[in-house]
């Protein structure tokens, strides 16, 4: 091969090698994005089944309920959510479930007679509450919200918006 031909082959491989490297980096980036954002790791104990519901011990796992809207959950003690006043630039807790088909809470939540204290939600939207929207198979019972501060536009309630 002549020198010019070798140079052309080298440039071709170099160019396509970059494209290949870009493809690999893009593929890995997408894989990591979906792994991190759509595979939820619940910080509490339990596995979310009826026999072994996720245990809610503070406001962090309560907020994590948004990641699995069809699981079973239970409070295992009173929780103080005053820290939510500092979450999301002062907007507080993000409601669990939204009023879009497939994104409503359809799980089971048993408060076991315990309280959720000082929950703050301040949203410029509809369907605002601890549970933003509950689906037909969603079940919430035996929980009391004490001193909640819940603000929104329409369909606003302490326990659920819809």
Protein backbone atom coordinates (compact mmCIF):
# COMPACT_ATOMS: atom_id res chain seq x y z
CA UNK A 1 0.00 0.00 0.00
CA UNK A 2 1.15 3.45 -0.76
CA UNK A 3 1.59 6.03 1.90
CA UNK A 4 -1.48 8.06 0.84
CA UNK A 5 -3.69 4.98 0.89
CA UNK A 6 -2.46 4.03 4.37
CA UNK A 7 -3.19 7.55 5.49
CA UNK A 8 -6.74 7.31 4.09
CA UNK A 9 -7.32 3.96 5.80
CA UNK A 10 -5.94 5.32 9.07
CA UNK A 11 -8.19 8.39 8.84
CA UNK A 12 -11.19 6.20 8.01
CA UNK A 13 -10.56 3.89 10.99
CA UNK A 14 -9.81 6.84 13.22
CA UNK A 15 -13.07 8.55 12.17
CA UNK A 16 -15.21 5.43 12.58
CA UNK A 17 -13.38 4.50 15.74
CA UNK A 18 -14.53 7.80 17.24
CA UNK A 19 -18.12 7.08 16.17
CA UNK A 20 -17.87 3.67 17.75
CA UNK A 21 -16.51 5.15 20.95
CA UNK A 22 -19.28 7.75 20.97
CA UNK A 23 -21.85 4.98 20.49
CA UNK A 24 -20.44 2.98 23.42
CA UNK A 25 -20.39 6.05 25.67
CA UNK A 26 -23.95 6.96 24.64
CA UNK A 27 -25.15 3.40 25.23
CA UNK A 28 -23.54 3.25 28.68
CA UNK A 29 -24.97 6.66 29.56
CA UNK A 30 -28.49 5.54 28.65
CA UNK A 31 -28.04 2.29 30.56
CA UNK A 32 -26.83 4.09 33.68
CA UNK A 33 -29.67 6.67 33.40
CA UNK A 34 -32.35 3.98 33.30
CA UNK A 35 -30.64 1.93 36.01
CA UNK A 36 -30.44 4.86 38.39
CA UNK A 37 -33.80 6.49 37.62
CA UNK A 38 -36.11 3.56 37.12
CA UNK A 39 -34.80 0.88 39.41
CA UNK A 40 -35.85 2.10 42.79
CA UNK A 41 -34.09 1.11 45.93
CA UNK A 42 -36.41 1.50 48.91
CA UNK A 43 -34.48 2.64 51.96
CA UNK A 44 -36.83 0.98 54.45
CA UNK A 45 -37.24 -2.68 55.29
CA UNK A 46 -39.74 -5.09 53.76
CA UNK A 47 -40.26 -6.11 50.15
CA UNK A 48 -43.53 -4.34 49.33
CA UNK A 49 -45.69 -7.49 49.31
CA UNK A 50 -48.93 -7.93 51.27
CA UNK A 51 -47.16 -10.36 53.63
CA UNK A 52 -44.08 -8.14 54.05
CA UNK A 53 -44.97 -4.49 53.32
CA UNK A 54 -42.35 -1.78 53.13
CA UNK A 55 -41.85 -0.20 56.57
CA UNK A 56 -42.09 3.59 56.73
CA UNK A 57 -39.98 4.92 59.61
CA UNK A 58 -39.44 8.54 58.52
CA UNK A 59 -40.23 10.97 55.70
CA UNK A 60 -37.56 9.70 53.32
CA UNK A 61 -39.14 6.26 52.73
CA UNK A 62 -42.56 7.98 52.77
CA UNK A 63 -41.40 10.07 49.79
CA UNK A 64 -39.92 6.96 48.14
CA UNK A 65 -43.43 5.54 47.85
CA UNK A 66 -43.65 7.58 44.62
CA UNK A 67 -41.24 5.05 43.06
CA UNK A 68 -43.59 2.07 43.41
CA UNK A 69 -47.25 3.03 43.27
CA UNK A 70 -48.60 -0.52 43.54
CA UNK A 71 -46.64 -1.83 46.53
CA UNK A 72 -47.82 -2.34 50.11
CA UNK A 73 -46.61 0.04 52.84
CA UNK A 74 -47.06 0.48 56.56
CA UNK A 75 -46.12 3.05 59.18
CA UNK A 76 -44.23 1.47 62.07
CA UNK A 77 -44.33 4.53 64.33
CA UNK A 78 -45.20 8.22 64.42
CA UNK A 79 -43.03 10.25 62.04
CA UNK A 80 -42.12 13.93 62.09
CA UNK A 81 -41.90 15.44 58.61
CA UNK A 82 -40.89 18.98 59.61
CA UNK A 83 -37.78 18.51 57.42
CA UNK A 84 -40.04 18.62 54.35
CA UNK A 85 -40.21 22.42 54.70
CA UNK A 86 -36.65 22.47 53.29
CA UNK A 87 -37.22 19.97 50.47
CA UNK A 88 -37.55 20.99 46.80
CA UNK A 89 -36.56 24.63 47.33
CA UNK A 90 -39.27 25.11 49.96
CA UNK A 91 -42.06 23.39 47.98
CA UNK A 92 -41.79 20.42 50.36
CA UNK A 93 -43.00 16.88 49.90
CA UNK A 94 -43.94 15.67 46.40
CA UNK A 95 -47.42 14.08 46.45
CA UNK A 96 -47.57 10.32 45.94
CA UNK A 97 -49.28 9.60 42.62
CA UNK A 98 -50.57 12.05 40.02
CA UNK A 99 -53.85 12.19 38.13
CA UNK A 100 -52.67 10.42 34.99
CA UNK A 101 -53.72 6.88 34.22
CA UNK A 102 -51.03 4.49 35.41
CA UNK A 103 -49.51 7.04 37.76
CA UNK A 104 -52.11 7.02 40.53
CA UNK A 105 -51.37 5.28 43.83
CA UNK A 106 -52.87 1.80 43.55
CA UNK A 107 -51.00 0.22 46.42
CA UNK A 108 -51.96 -0.33 50.03
CA UNK A 109 -50.97 2.00 52.87
CA UNK A 110 -51.67 1.05 56.48
CA UNK A 111 -50.94 3.77 59.02
CA UNK A 112 -51.35 1.27 61.90
CA UNK A 113 -52.86 4.08 64.01
CA UNK A 114 -49.71 6.24 63.83
CA UNK A 115 -49.37 9.95 62.98
CA UNK A 116 -47.55 11.84 60.26
CA UNK A 117 -46.65 15.20 61.81
CA UNK A 118 -45.76 18.56 60.22
CA UNK A 119 -45.93 17.52 56.55
CA UNK A 120 -45.46 20.47 54.20
CA UNK A 121 -46.58 20.55 50.55
CA UNK A 122 -46.67 23.88 48.69
CA UNK A 123 -47.38 23.27 44.98
CA UNK A 124 -48.71 25.42 42.17
CA UNK A 125 -50.69 22.49 40.78
CA UNK A 126 -53.88 20.45 41.18
CA UNK A 127 -54.31 17.13 43.01
CA UNK A 128 -52.20 17.96 46.02
CA UNK A 129 -52.04 16.00 49.26
CA UNK A 130 -49.91 13.29 50.85
CA UNK A 131 -51.41 11.19 48.03
CA UNK A 132 -51.91 13.35 44.95
CA UNK A 133 -54.19 10.86 43.21
CA UNK A 134 -55.41 7.43 44.34
CA UNK A 135 -56.53 4.84 41.82
CA UNK A 136 -59.50 2.47 42.05
CA UNK A 137 -57.48 -0.25 43.78
CA UNK A 138 -55.57 2.09 46.08
CA UNK A 139 -56.26 1.64 49.79
CA UNK A 140 -55.26 4.00 52.59
CA UNK A 141 -56.32 3.48 56.19
CA UNK A 142 -55.64 4.11 59.86
CA UNK A 143 -53.38 7.17 59.58
CA UNK A 144 -53.68 10.69 61.01
CA UNK A 145 -51.96 13.81 59.68
CA UNK A 146 -51.16 16.21 62.52
CA UNK A 147 -50.41 19.87 61.72
CA UNK A 148 -50.10 19.44 57.97
CA UNK A 149 -49.51 22.48 55.76
CA UNK A 150 -50.88 21.63 52.32
CA UNK A 151 -51.26 24.25 49.58
CA UNK A 152 -52.18 23.82 45.92
CA UNK A 153 -54.60 25.05 43.28
CA UNK A 154 -57.59 22.67 42.96
CA UNK A 155 -58.42 19.29 44.47
CA UNK A 156 -56.29 19.80 47.53
CA UNK A 157 -56.56 17.79 50.74
CA UNK A 158 -54.24 16.80 53.56
CA UNK A 159 -54.55 13.07 52.91
CA UNK A 160 -55.29 13.05 49.17
CA UNK A 161 -56.18 15.37 46.30
CA UNK A 162 -58.21 12.83 44.34
